[in-house]
Amino acid sequence: MRDVSHLPPALRGLRLPLLGAPMFIVSGPELVIAQCKAGIVGSFPALNAREGKGEPAQLDKWLTRITEELDRHNQANPDHPAAPFAVNQIVHRSNGRLERDLEICARHKVPIWITSLGARAEVNEAAHGCGGIVLHDVINNTFARKAIEKGADGLIAVAAGAGGHAGKQSPFALVEEIRDWFDGPLILSGAIATGRALLAARVAGADLGYTGSPFIATDEANAPARYKEMIVTGSAEDIVTSSLFTGVSGNYLRESIKAAGLDPDNLSTGQAATMNFGSGSSKAWTDIWGAGQGIGVVKAISRAADLIARIEEEYRAAARKIASEFIR
């Protein structure tokens, strides 16, 4: 049996040691609910929940819907309860909604908080105050130490090959450096699109994997049809790394860059000072679509539950194969 005693209760009892990564625009209630019902942690960015001026907070509505639907599922399936869900908070100073969104998440007692683009002690305190845990995105060991010092409960190591704001370091190097001093919850992100990759993440020292891009090509994803098509037909060679679009290095689909009238091989460099997550900012690059290098294994659009079942089958088959090599 797998030893999960060092993990907080929210990360135990999952069907697979896997979190569905929160994705800009793509992740919403439909995808989160499907992921949780299928036994893995589902998540979405708080900023995806947008309302018109003067309208009630969409985030409040989303959390009510997710909580109520998962509660109904658990009552009907006591032997197979849903996994918990997570909300991603962008803690960058330009996010003018942060304080409001923290209050809403605390009121709904969100069980898992994923924080990105800055580690802030007051955000961790808000999560802990409602019984939640905090997992913080990091791209190197220095940021990992800072996050734990400021009260994060666990780390998401975002390595090379991940979609969106990805790091540059090898997953093996990044995990080893963090595990040298940290024995708490560690999740690995970076082209984890198959059960074999998930098993490799576990063997490397991570407790769980972090998968985003394959879920773009699911029925429940809030992604345009062309976006999903690019995931199905693309490969690692179709991923372009650039800081132009947000000011921070990230991975994007080559064809979406071309469709915007840009040359993906000759992009200018963005500056971190231009990063803006304010509600009033103009999202000039909403049609530049993020993705990770693991998309080459995605061959068709499917239900989220079927994708999770495929990953589980591959994960267990790979584990059996490796285990057989050590049986004498």
C-alpha atoms as a PDB file:
ATOM      1  CA  MET A   1       0.000   0.000   0.000  1.00  0.00           C
ATOM      2  CA  ARG A   2       1.137   3.530  -0.739  1.00  0.00           C
ATOM      3  CA  ASP A   3       2.208   5.491   2.354  1.00  0.00           C
ATOM      4  CA  VAL A   4       0.320   8.798   2.371  1.00  0.00           C
ATOM      5  CA  SER A   5       0.675   9.507   6.079  1.00  0.00           C
ATOM      6  CA  HIS A   6       2.792  12.610   5.388  1.00  0.00           C
ATOM      7  CA  LEU A   7       0.093  14.131   3.194  1.00  0.00           C
ATOM      8  CA  PRO A   8      -2.763  16.293   4.473  1.00  0.00           C
ATOM      9  CA  PRO A   9      -6.185  14.586   4.374  1.00  0.00           C
ATOM     10  CA  ALA A  10      -7.238  16.554   1.278  1.00  0.00           C
ATOM     11  CA  LEU A  11      -4.565  14.769  -0.769  1.00  0.00           C
ATOM     12  CA  ARG A  12      -5.272  11.261   0.494  1.00  0.00           C
ATOM     13  CA  GLY A  13      -7.740   8.734  -0.856  1.00  0.00           C
ATOM     14  CA  LEU A  14      -7.547   9.871  -4.461  1.00  0.00           C
ATOM     15  CA  ARG A  15      -8.182   7.418  -7.281  1.00  0.00           C
ATOM     16  CA  LEU A  16      -4.874   8.543  -8.761  1.00  0.00           C
ATOM     17  CA  PRO A  17      -2.112  10.733  -7.291  1.00  0.00           C
ATOM     18  CA  LEU A  18      -3.076  13.487  -9.712  1.00  0.00           C
ATOM     19  CA  LEU A  19      -4.271  17.091  -9.757  1.00  0.00           C
ATOM     20  CA  GLY A  20      -5.972  18.664 -12.737  1.00  0.00           C
ATOM     21  CA  ALA A  21      -4.108  21.932 -13.275  1.00  0.00           C
ATOM     22  CA  PRO A  22      -6.060  25.228 -13.339  1.00  0.00           C
ATOM     23  CA  MET A  23      -6.037  26.664 -16.850  1.00  0.00           C
ATOM     24  CA  PHE A  24      -6.825  30.199 -18.035  1.00  0.00           C
ATOM     25  CA  ILE A  25     -10.313  30.307 -19.595  1.00  0.00           C
ATOM     26  CA  VAL A  26     -10.393  26.503 -20.014  1.00  0.00           C
ATOM     27  CA  SER A  27     -11.097  25.391 -16.423  1.00  0.00           C
ATOM     28  CA  GLY A  28     -14.617  25.955 -15.146  1.00  0.00           C
ATOM     29  CA  PRO A  29     -17.254  24.189 -13.054  1.00  0.00           C
ATOM     30  CA  GLU A  30     -18.022  21.533 -15.683  1.00  0.00           C
ATOM     31  CA  LEU A  31     -14.418  20.356 -15.916  1.00  0.00           C
ATOM     32  CA  VAL A  32     -13.755  20.601 -12.177  1.00  0.00           C
ATOM     33  CA  ILE A  33     -16.858  18.604 -11.300  1.00  0.00           C
ATOM     34  CA  ALA A  34     -16.003  15.926 -13.873  1.00  0.00           C
ATOM     35  CA  GLN A  35     -12.438  15.616 -12.579  1.00  0.00           C
ATOM     36  CA  CYS A  36     -13.505  15.385  -8.943  1.00  0.00           C
ATOM     37  CA  LYS A  37     -16.228  12.826  -9.647  1.00  0.00           C
ATOM     38  CA  ALA A  38     -13.647  10.734 -11.511  1.00  0.00           C
ATOM     39  CA  GLY A  39     -11.398  10.716  -8.445  1.00  0.00           C
ATOM     40  CA  ILE A  40      -8.719  13.359  -8.994  1.00  0.00           C
ATOM     41  CA  VAL A  41      -8.437  16.918  -7.683  1.00  0.00           C
ATOM     42  CA  GLY A  42     -10.059  19.379 -10.086  1.00  0.00           C
ATOM     43  CA  SER A  43      -9.151  23.052 -10.050  1.00  0.00           C
ATOM     44  CA  PHE A  44      -9.815  26.398 -11.708  1.00  0.00           C
ATOM     45  CA  PRO A  45      -8.345  29.914 -11.526  1.00  0.00           C
ATOM     46  CA  ALA A  46     -10.507  32.277  -9.496  1.00  0.00           C
ATOM     47  CA  LEU A  47     -10.065  34.870 -12.242  1.00  0.00           C
ATOM     48  CA  ASN A  48     -11.869  32.599 -14.715  1.00  0.00           C
ATOM     49  CA  ALA A  49     -15.108  33.385 -12.865  1.00  0.00           C
ATOM     50  CA  ARG A  50     -16.021  36.777 -14.332  1.00  0.00           C
ATOM     51  CA  GLU A  51     -19.181  38.798 -14.004  1.00  0.00           C
ATOM     52  CA  GLY A  52     -20.463  41.954 -15.623  1.00  0.00           C
ATOM     53  CA  LYS A  53     -20.365  45.286 -13.842  1.00  0.00           C
ATOM     54  CA  GLY A  54     -22.909  45.394 -11.022  1.00  0.00           C
ATOM     55  CA  GLU A  55     -23.636  41.645 -11.206  1.00  0.00           C
ATOM     56  CA  PRO A  56     -23.215  39.228  -8.267  1.00  0.00           C
ATOM     57  CA  ALA A  57     -19.801  37.591  -7.957  1.00  0.00           C
ATOM     58  CA  GLN A  58     -19.535  34.719 -10.432  1.00  0.00           C
ATOM     59  CA  LEU A  59     -16.950  33.037  -8.186  1.00  0.00           C
ATOM     60  CA  ASP A  60     -19.578  32.738  -5.459  1.00  0.00           C
ATOM     61  CA  LYS A  61     -21.975  31.080  -7.910  1.00  0.00           C
ATOM     62  CA  TRP A  62     -19.333  28.689  -9.206  1.00  0.00           C
ATOM     63  CA  LEU A  63     -18.294  27.559  -5.739  1.00  0.00           C
ATOM     64  CA  THR A  64     -21.918  27.034  -4.712  1.00  0.00           C
ATOM     65  CA  ARG A  65     -22.552  24.924  -7.810  1.00  0.00           C
ATOM     66  CA  ILE A  66     -19.385  22.842  -7.403  1.00  0.00           C
ATOM     67  CA  THR A  67     -19.950  22.219  -3.708  1.00  0.00           C
ATOM     68  CA  GLU A  68     -23.610  21.293  -4.078  1.00  0.00           C
ATOM     69  CA  GLU A  69     -23.067  18.981  -7.047  1.00  0.00           C
ATOM     70  CA  LEU A  70     -20.169  17.162  -5.376  1.00  0.00           C
ATOM     71  CA  ASP A  71     -22.231  16.829  -2.190  1.00  0.00           C
ATOM     72  CA  ARG A  72     -25.059  15.225  -4.169  1.00  0.00           C
ATOM     73  CA  HIS A  73     -22.566  12.870  -5.827  1.00  0.00           C
ATOM     74  CA  ASN A  74     -21.146  11.843  -2.460  1.00  0.00           C
ATOM     75  CA  GLN A  75     -24.583  11.151  -1.000  1.00  0.00           C
ATOM     76  CA  ALA A  76     -25.440   8.960  -3.980  1.00  0.00           C
ATOM     77  CA  ASN A  77     -22.024   7.250  -4.071  1.00  0.00           C
ATOM     78  CA  PRO A  78     -20.801   6.833  -0.478  1.00  0.00           C
ATOM     79  CA  ASP A  79     -18.323   4.129  -1.520  1.00  0.00           C
ATOM     80  CA  HIS A  80     -16.828   6.295  -4.283  1.00  0.00           C
ATOM     81  CA  PRO A  81     -16.864   9.890  -3.055  1.00  0.00           C
ATOM     82  CA  ALA A  82     -15.573  12.715  -5.192  1.00  0.00           C
ATOM     83  CA  ALA A  83     -12.094  14.090  -4.737  1.00  0.00           C
ATOM     84  CA  PRO A  84     -11.762  17.599  -3.252  1.00  0.00           C
ATOM     85  CA  PHE A  85     -11.405  20.635  -5.498  1.00  0.00           C
ATOM     86  CA  ALA A  86      -8.935  23.508  -5.601  1.00  0.00           C
ATOM     87  CA  VAL A  87      -9.050  27.191  -6.505  1.00  0.00           C
ATOM     88  CA  ASN A  88      -6.021  28.952  -7.978  1.00  0.00           C
ATOM     89  CA  GLN A  89      -5.339  32.463  -6.710  1.00  0.00           C
ATOM     90  CA  ILE A  90      -3.046  34.782  -8.671  1.00  0.00           C
ATOM     91  CA  VAL A  91      -1.427  36.771  -5.864  1.00  0.00           C
ATOM     92  CA  HIS A  92       0.402  39.201  -8.138  1.00  0.00           C
ATOM     93  CA  ARG A  93       0.000  42.819  -7.000  1.00  0.00           C
ATOM     94  CA  SER A  94      -1.999  43.698 -10.136  1.00  0.00           C
ATOM     95  CA  ASN A  95      -4.853  41.363  -9.167  1.00  0.00           C
ATOM     96  CA  GLY A  96      -7.309  43.856  -7.718  1.00  0.00           C
ATOM     97  CA  ARG A  97      -9.854  41.108  -7.048  1.00  0.00           C
ATOM     98  CA  LEU A  98      -7.621  39.131  -4.728  1.00  0.00           C
ATOM     99  CA  GLU A  99      -8.983  40.336  -1.393  1.00  0.00           C
ATOM    100  CA  ARG A 100     -12.585  39.825  -2.489  1.00  0.00           C
ATOM    101  CA  ASP A 101     -11.854  36.373  -3.915  1.00  0.00           C
ATOM    102  CA  LEU A 102     -10.023  35.295  -0.766  1.00  0.00           C
ATOM    103  CA  GLU A 103     -13.084  36.198   1.291  1.00  0.00           C
ATOM    104  CA  ILE A 104     -15.375  34.225  -1.008  1.00  0.00           C
ATOM    105  CA  CYS A 105     -13.117  31.157  -0.938  1.00  0.00           C
ATOM    106  CA  ALA A 106     -12.821  31.322   2.845  1.00  0.00           C
ATOM    107  CA  ARG A 107     -16.605  31.561   3.202  1.00  0.00           C
ATOM    108  CA  HIS A 108     -17.043  28.473   1.009  1.00  0.00           C
ATOM    109  CA  LYS A 109     -14.282  26.656   2.920  1.00  0.00           C
ATOM    110  CA  VAL A 110     -12.344  25.772  -0.233  1.00  0.00           C
ATOM    111  CA  PRO A 111     -10.250  22.717   0.749  1.00  0.00           C
ATOM    112  CA  ILE A 112      -7.204  23.325  -1.496  1.00  0.00           C
ATOM    113  CA  TRP A 113      -5.775  26.710  -2.473  1.00  0.00           C
ATOM    114  CA  ILE A 114      -3.208  26.931  -5.276  1.00  0.00           C
ATOM    115  CA  THR A 115      -1.217  30.166  -5.231  1.00  0.00           C
ATOM    116  CA  SER A 116       0.796  31.551  -8.139  1.00  0.00           C
ATOM    117  CA  LEU A 117       3.072  34.487  -8.998  1.00  0.00           C
ATOM    118  CA  GLY A 118       4.079  35.421  -5.481  1.00  0.00           C
ATOM    119  CA  ALA A 119       4.056  33.903  -1.996  1.00  0.00           C
ATOM    120  CA  ARG A 120       2.099  35.920   0.565  1.00  0.00           C
ATOM    121  CA  ALA A 121       1.692  34.973   4.194  1.00  0.00           C
ATOM    122  CA  GLU A 122      -1.744  36.607   4.515  1.00  0.00           C
ATOM    123  CA  VAL A 123      -3.126  34.432   1.711  1.00  0.00           C
ATOM    124  CA  ASN A 124      -1.855  31.303   3.448  1.00  0.00           C
ATOM    125  CA  GLU A 125      -3.419  32.492   6.717  1.00  0.00           C
ATOM    126  CA  ALA A 126      -6.776  32.995   4.985  1.00  0.00           C
ATOM    127  CA  ALA A 127      -6.664  29.427   3.660  1.00  0.00           C
ATOM    128  CA  HIS A 128      -5.659  27.956   7.003  1.00  0.00           C
ATOM    129  CA  GLY A 129      -8.366  29.977   8.743  1.00  0.00           C
ATOM    130  CA  CYS A 130     -11.088  28.043   6.899  1.00  0.00           C
ATOM    131  CA  GLY A 131      -9.367  24.660   7.177  1.00  0.00           C
ATOM    132  CA  GLY A 132      -7.778  24.688   3.731  1.00  0.00           C
ATOM    133  CA  ILE A 133      -4.258  23.854   2.616  1.00  0.00           C
ATOM    134  CA  VAL A 134      -2.017  25.868   0.317  1.00  0.00           C
ATOM    135  CA  LEU A 135       0.022  24.513  -2.581  1.00  0.00           C
ATOM    136  CA  HIS A 136       2.321  27.088  -4.150  1.00  0.00           C
ATOM    137  CA  ASP A 137       3.648  27.121  -7.741  1.00  0.00           C
ATOM    138  CA  VAL A 138       7.446  27.366  -7.955  1.00  0.00           C
ATOM    139  CA  ILE A 139       9.918  27.176 -10.835  1.00  0.00           C
ATOM    140  CA  ASN A 140      13.125  26.839  -8.808  1.00  0.00           C
ATOM    141  CA  ASN A 141      14.450  25.909  -5.393  1.00  0.00           C
ATOM    142  CA  THR A 142      14.853  29.512  -4.234  1.00  0.00           C
ATOM    143  CA  PHE A 143      11.161  30.245  -4.728  1.00  0.00           C
ATOM    144  CA  ALA A 144      10.322  26.911  -3.089  1.00  0.00           C
ATOM    145  CA  ARG A 145      12.117  27.887   0.129  1.00  0.00           C
ATOM    146  CA  LYS A 146      10.438  31.288   0.190  1.00  0.00           C
ATOM    147  CA  ALA A 147       7.000  29.730  -0.216  1.00  0.00           C
ATOM    148  CA  ILE A 148       7.453  27.342   2.702  1.00  0.00           C
ATOM    149  CA  GLU A 149       8.936  30.088   4.867  1.00  0.00           C
ATOM    150  CA  LYS A 150       5.777  32.138   4.268  1.00  0.00           C
ATOM    151  CA  GLY A 151       3.494  29.303   5.317  1.00  0.00           C
ATOM    152  CA  ALA A 152       2.610  27.239   2.256  1.00  0.00           C
ATOM    153  CA  ASP A 153       1.805  23.613   3.064  1.00  0.00           C
ATOM    154  CA  GLY A 154       3.106  22.108  -0.154  1.00  0.00           C
ATOM    155  CA  LEU A 155       4.765  22.895  -3.444  1.00  0.00           C
ATOM    156  CA  ILE A 156       3.936  22.502  -7.115  1.00  0.00           C
ATOM    157  CA  ALA A 157       7.234  22.196  -8.962  1.00  0.00           C
ATOM    158  CA  VAL A 158       6.575  23.637 -12.412  1.00  0.00           C
ATOM    159  CA  ALA A 159       9.339  22.188 -14.576  1.00  0.00           C
ATOM    160  CA  ALA A 160      10.306  22.487 -18.233  1.00  0.00           C
ATOM    161  CA  GLY A 161       7.593  21.351 -20.627  1.00  0.00           C
ATOM    162  CA  ALA A 162       4.631  22.531 -18.565  1.00  0.00           C
ATOM    163  CA  GLY A 163       1.891  24.582 -20.158  1.00  0.00           C
ATOM    164  CA  GLY A 164       1.371  28.255 -19.433  1.00  0.00           C
ATOM    165  CA  HIS A 165       3.911  29.876 -17.107  1.00  0.00           C
ATOM    166  CA  ALA A 166       6.483  27.096 -17.110  1.00  0.00           C
ATOM    167  CA  GLY A 167       9.908  26.808 -15.546  1.00  0.00           C
ATOM    168  CA  LYS A 168      13.096  26.026 -17.405  1.00  0.00           C
ATOM    169  CA  GLN A 169      14.602  23.362 -15.167  1.00  0.00           C
ATOM    170  CA  SER A 170      14.562  19.605 -15.678  1.00  0.00           C
ATOM    171  CA  PRO A 171      11.922  17.954 -13.486  1.00  0.00           C
ATOM    172  CA  PHE A 172      14.568  15.586 -12.140  1.00  0.00           C
ATOM    173  CA  ALA A 173      16.863  18.410 -11.053  1.00  0.00           C
ATOM    174  CA  LEU A 174      14.045  20.501  -9.593  1.00  0.00           C
ATOM    175  CA  VAL A 175      12.518  17.671  -7.567  1.00  0.00           C
ATOM    176  CA  GLU A 176      15.893  16.504  -6.251  1.00  0.00           C
ATOM    177  CA  GLU A 177      16.841  19.981  -5.035  1.00  0.00           C
ATOM    178  CA  ILE A 178      13.512  20.450  -3.261  1.00  0.00           C
ATOM    179  CA  ARG A 179      13.519  16.978  -1.742  1.00  0.00           C
ATOM    180  CA  ASP A 180      16.957  17.655  -0.294  1.00  0.00           C
ATOM    181  CA  TRP A 181      15.302  19.745   2.426  1.00  0.00           C
ATOM    182  CA  PHE A 182      11.502  19.423   2.070  1.00  0.00           C
ATOM    183  CA  ASP A 183       9.574  16.255   2.937  1.00  0.00           C
ATOM    184  CA  GLY A 184       6.070  17.710   2.654  1.00  0.00           C
ATOM    185  CA  PRO A 185       3.556  17.526  -0.202  1.00  0.00           C
ATOM    186  CA  LEU A 186       5.289  17.919  -3.560  1.00  0.00           C
ATOM    187  CA  ILE A 187       3.448  17.938  -6.884  1.00  0.00           C
ATOM    188  CA  LEU A 188       5.276  17.846 -10.204  1.00  0.00           C
ATOM    189  CA  SER A 189       4.180  19.688 -13.352  1.00  0.00           C
ATOM    190  CA  GLY A 190       5.689  19.329 -16.810  1.00  0.00           C
ATOM    191  CA  ALA A 191       4.371  17.186 -19.683  1.00  0.00           C
ATOM    192  CA  ILE A 192       2.635  14.676 -17.408  1.00  0.00           C
ATOM    193  CA  ALA A 193       0.116  13.488 -19.965  1.00  0.00           C
ATOM    194  CA  THR A 194       0.253   9.702 -19.528  1.00  0.00           C
ATOM    195  CA  GLY A 195       0.207   7.185 -16.724  1.00  0.00           C
ATOM    196  CA  ARG A 196       3.837   6.373 -17.494  1.00  0.00           C
ATOM    197  CA  ALA A 197       4.800  10.012 -16.956  1.00  0.00           C
ATOM    198  CA  LEU A 198       2.806  10.070 -13.728  1.00  0.00           C
ATOM    199  CA  LEU A 199       4.654   7.009 -12.458  1.00  0.00           C
ATOM    200  CA  ALA A 200       7.968   8.624 -13.415  1.00  0.00           C
ATOM    201  CA  ALA A 201       7.012  11.693 -11.377  1.00  0.00           C
ATOM    202  CA  ARG A 202       6.320   9.489  -8.363  1.00  0.00           C
ATOM    203  CA  VAL A 203       9.595   7.605  -8.734  1.00  0.00           C
ATOM    204  CA  ALA A 204      11.468  10.902  -9.088  1.00  0.00           C
ATOM    205  CA  GLY A 205      10.212  11.949  -5.662  1.00  0.00           C
ATOM    206  CA  ALA A 206       6.934  13.771  -6.223  1.00  0.00           C
ATOM    207  CA  ASP A 207       3.815  12.756  -4.309  1.00  0.00           C
ATOM    208  CA  LEU A 208       1.431  13.649  -7.117  1.00  0.00           C
ATOM    209  CA  GLY A 209       1.417  14.726 -10.721  1.00  0.00           C
ATOM    210  CA  TYR A 210      -0.113  17.887 -12.193  1.00  0.00           C
ATOM    211  CA  THR A 211      -1.857  17.554 -15.547  1.00  0.00           C
ATOM    212  CA  GLY A 212      -3.386  20.353 -17.586  1.00  0.00           C
ATOM    213  CA  SER A 213      -3.040  20.311 -21.370  1.00  0.00           C
ATOM    214  CA  PRO A 214      -4.692  16.920 -22.071  1.00  0.00           C
ATOM    215  CA  PHE A 215      -7.833  18.178 -20.328  1.00  0.00           C
ATOM    216  CA  ILE A 216      -8.145  20.994 -22.878  1.00  0.00           C
ATOM    217  CA  ALA A 217      -9.247  18.345 -25.389  1.00  0.00           C
ATOM    218  CA  THR A 218     -12.195  17.149 -23.289  1.00  0.00           C
ATOM    219  CA  ASP A 219     -15.911  17.669 -23.685  1.00  0.00           C
ATOM    220  CA  GLU A 220     -16.112  19.557 -20.387  1.00  0.00           C
ATOM    221  CA  ALA A 221     -13.318  22.040 -21.096  1.00  0.00           C
ATOM    222  CA  ASN A 222     -14.332  25.632 -21.783  1.00  0.00           C
ATOM    223  CA  ALA A 223     -12.087  25.881 -24.840  1.00  0.00           C
ATOM    224  CA  PRO A 224     -12.907  26.884 -28.440  1.00  0.00           C
ATOM    225  CA  ALA A 225     -13.167  24.015 -30.898  1.00  0.00           C
ATOM    226  CA  ARG A 226     -10.043  25.203 -32.730  1.00  0.00           C
ATOM    227  CA  TYR A 227      -8.078  25.187 -29.453  1.00  0.00           C
ATOM    228  CA  LYS A 228      -9.075  21.589 -28.791  1.00  0.00           C
ATOM    229  CA  GLU A 229      -8.200  20.665 -32.372  1.00  0.00           C
ATOM    230  CA  MET A 230      -4.693  22.112 -31.978  1.00  0.00           C
ATOM    231  CA  ILE A 231      -4.167  19.958 -28.894  1.00  0.00           C
ATOM    232  CA  VAL A 232      -5.244  16.806 -30.747  1.00  0.00           C
ATOM    233  CA  THR A 233      -3.130  17.468 -33.836  1.00  0.00           C
ATOM    234  CA  GLY A 234      -0.128  19.037 -32.106  1.00  0.00           C
ATOM    235  CA  SER A 235       3.099  17.713 -30.641  1.00  0.00           C
ATOM    236  CA  ALA A 236       5.992  18.978 -28.542  1.00  0.00           C
ATOM    237  CA  GLU A 237       7.431  20.658 -31.635  1.00  0.00           C
ATOM    238  CA  ASP A 238       4.346  22.867 -31.805  1.00  0.00           C
ATOM    239  CA  ILE A 239       5.056  24.485 -28.423  1.00  0.00           C
ATOM    240  CA  VAL A 240       6.728  27.896 -28.390  1.00  0.00           C
ATOM    241  CA  THR A 241       8.259  29.472 -25.289  1.00  0.00           C
ATOM    242  CA  SER A 242       7.879  33.242 -25.002  1.00  0.00           C
ATOM    243  CA  SER A 243       7.610  36.026 -22.428  1.00  0.00           C
ATOM    244  CA  LEU A 244       5.877  38.406 -24.858  1.00  0.00           C
ATOM    245  CA  PHE A 245       2.292  37.701 -23.894  1.00  0.00           C
ATOM    246  CA  THR A 246       2.348  38.087 -20.103  1.00  0.00           C
ATOM    247  CA  GLY A 247       5.836  39.335 -19.282  1.00  0.00           C
ATOM    248  CA  VAL A 248       6.766  35.935 -17.843  1.00  0.00           C
ATOM    249  CA  SER A 249       8.110  32.982 -19.815  1.00  0.00           C
ATOM    250  CA  GLY A 250       5.380  30.589 -20.853  1.00  0.00           C
ATOM    251  CA  ASN A 251       4.580  27.830 -23.346  1.00  0.00           C
ATOM    252  CA  TYR A 252       2.068  28.407 -26.139  1.00  0.00           C
ATOM    253  CA  LEU A 253       0.688  26.743 -29.248  1.00  0.00           C
ATOM    254  CA  ARG A 254       2.568  27.762 -32.387  1.00  0.00           C
ATOM    255  CA  GLU A 255      -0.557  27.770 -34.579  1.00  0.00           C
ATOM    256  CA  SER A 256      -2.393  30.157 -32.260  1.00  0.00           C
ATOM    257  CA  ILE A 257       0.520  32.584 -32.467  1.00  0.00           C
ATOM    258  CA  LYS A 258       0.453  32.390 -36.263  1.00  0.00           C
ATOM    259  CA  ALA A 259      -3.312  32.950 -36.273  1.00  0.00           C
ATOM    260  CA  ALA A 260      -2.730  36.193 -34.362  1.00  0.00           C
ATOM    261  CA  GLY A 261      -0.535  37.409 -37.219  1.00  0.00           C
ATOM    262  CA  LEU A 262       2.782  36.913 -35.430  1.00  0.00           C
ATOM    263  CA  ASP A 263       5.901  34.988 -36.370  1.00  0.00           C
ATOM    264  CA  PRO A 264       6.413  32.395 -33.601  1.00  0.00           C
ATOM    265  CA  ASP A 265      10.113  32.173 -34.448  1.00  0.00           C
ATOM    266  CA  ASN A 266      10.692  35.921 -34.109  1.00  0.00           C
ATOM    267  CA  LEU A 267       8.809  37.146 -31.055  1.00  0.00           C
ATOM    268  CA  SER A 268       9.930  40.133 -29.048  1.00  0.00           C
ATOM    269  CA  THR A 269      10.686  39.797 -25.338  1.00  0.00           C
ATOM    270  CA  GLY A 270       8.101  40.788 -22.758  1.00  0.00           C
ATOM    271  CA  GLN A 271       8.901  42.491 -19.471  1.00  0.00           C
ATOM    272  CA  ALA A 272       7.710  41.339 -16.041  1.00  0.00           C
ATOM    273  CA  ALA A 273       6.695  44.932 -15.295  1.00  0.00           C
ATOM    274  CA  THR A 274       3.943  44.648 -17.929  1.00  0.00           C
ATOM    275  CA  MET A 275       2.218  41.749 -16.165  1.00  0.00           C
ATOM    276  CA  ASN A 276      -1.348  42.766 -15.362  1.00  0.00           C
ATOM    277  CA  PHE A 277      -4.141  40.664 -13.881  1.00  0.00           C
ATOM    278  CA  GLY A 278      -6.405  43.605 -13.096  1.00  0.00           C
ATOM    279  CA  SER A 279     -10.078  43.256 -13.967  1.00  0.00           C
ATOM    280  CA  GLY A 280      -9.930  46.359 -16.106  1.00  0.00           C
ATOM    281  CA  SER A 281      -6.862  45.399 -18.085  1.00  0.00           C
ATOM    282  CA  SER A 282      -7.230  44.625 -21.766  1.00  0.00           C
ATOM    283  CA  LYS A 283      -6.520  40.973 -22.477  1.00  0.00           C
ATOM    284  CA  ALA A 284      -4.777  41.543 -25.785  1.00  0.00           C
ATOM    285  CA  TRP A 285      -3.664  37.946 -26.110  1.00  0.00           C
ATOM    286  CA  THR A 286      -6.786  35.944 -25.252  1.00  0.00           C
ATOM    287  CA  ASP A 287      -6.423  33.979 -28.510  1.00  0.00           C
ATOM    288  CA  ILE A 288      -2.811  32.987 -27.773  1.00  0.00           C
ATOM    289  CA  TRP A 289      -3.390  29.577 -26.290  1.00  0.00           C
ATOM    290  CA  GLY A 290      -1.184  27.911 -23.708  1.00  0.00           C
ATOM    291  CA  ALA A 291      -0.212  24.244 -23.774  1.00  0.00           C
ATOM    292  CA  GLY A 292       2.541  21.954 -22.556  1.00  0.00           C
ATOM    293  CA  GLN A 293       4.894  19.643 -24.394  1.00  0.00           C
ATOM    294  CA  GLY A 294       2.909  16.515 -23.512  1.00  0.00           C
ATOM    295  CA  ILE A 295       0.155  17.121 -26.063  1.00  0.00           C
ATOM    296  CA  GLY A 296       1.600  14.659 -28.581  1.00  0.00           C
ATOM    297  CA  VAL A 297      -0.136  11.750 -26.823  1.00  0.00           C
ATOM    298  CA  VAL A 298      -3.593  13.341 -27.101  1.00  0.00           C
ATOM    299  CA  LYS A 299      -5.218  11.767 -30.156  1.00  0.00           C
ATOM    300  CA  ALA A 300      -8.899  12.659 -29.765  1.00  0.00           C
ATOM    301  CA  ILE A 301     -11.361  14.762 -27.819  1.00  0.00           C
ATOM    302  CA  SER A 302     -12.844  12.710 -24.994  1.00  0.00           C
ATOM    303  CA  ARG A 303     -14.751  12.969 -21.760  1.00  0.00           C
ATOM    304  CA  ALA A 304     -12.615  13.948 -18.771  1.00  0.00           C
ATOM    305  CA  ALA A 305     -13.577  10.681 -17.047  1.00  0.00           C
ATOM    306  CA  ASP A 306     -12.309   8.656 -20.012  1.00  0.00           C
ATOM    307  CA  LEU A 307      -9.004  10.540 -20.034  1.00  0.00           C
ATOM    308  CA  ILE A 308      -8.548   9.830 -16.320  1.00  0.00           C
ATOM    309  CA  ALA A 309      -9.387   6.163 -16.878  1.00  0.00           C
ATOM    310  CA  ARG A 310      -6.759   5.990 -19.634  1.00  0.00           C
ATOM    311  CA  ILE A 311      -4.112   7.556 -17.401  1.00  0.00           C
ATOM    312  CA  GLU A 312      -5.014   5.166 -14.582  1.00  0.00           C
ATOM    313  CA  GLU A 313      -4.710   2.119 -16.856  1.00  0.00           C
ATOM    314  CA  GLU A 314      -1.314   3.274 -18.123  1.00  0.00           C
ATOM    315  CA  TYR A 315      -0.141   4.121 -14.605  1.00  0.00           C
ATOM    316  CA  ARG A 316      -0.953   0.707 -13.200  1.00  0.00           C
ATOM    317  CA  ALA A 317       0.423  -1.148 -16.224  1.00  0.00           C
ATOM    318  CA  ALA A 318       3.692   0.781 -16.011  1.00  0.00           C
ATOM    319  CA  ALA A 319       3.929   0.114 -12.266  1.00  0.00           C
ATOM    320  CA  ARG A 320       3.412  -3.615 -12.773  1.00  0.00           C
ATOM    321  CA  LYS A 321       6.048  -3.718 -15.498  1.00  0.00           C
ATOM    322  CA  ILE A 322       8.653  -1.936 -13.385  1.00  0.00           C
ATOM    323  CA  ALA A 323       7.804  -3.972 -10.285  1.00  0.00           C
ATOM    324  CA  SER A 324       8.294  -7.229 -12.228  1.00  0.00           C
ATOM    325  CA  GLU A 325      11.929  -6.287 -12.845  1.00  0.00           C
ATOM    326  CA  PHE A 326      12.607  -6.372  -9.113  1.00  0.00           C
ATOM    327  CA  ILE A 327      10.874  -9.674  -8.356  1.00  0.00           C
ATOM    328  CA  ARG A 328      13.354 -12.507  -7.969  1.00  0.00           C
END
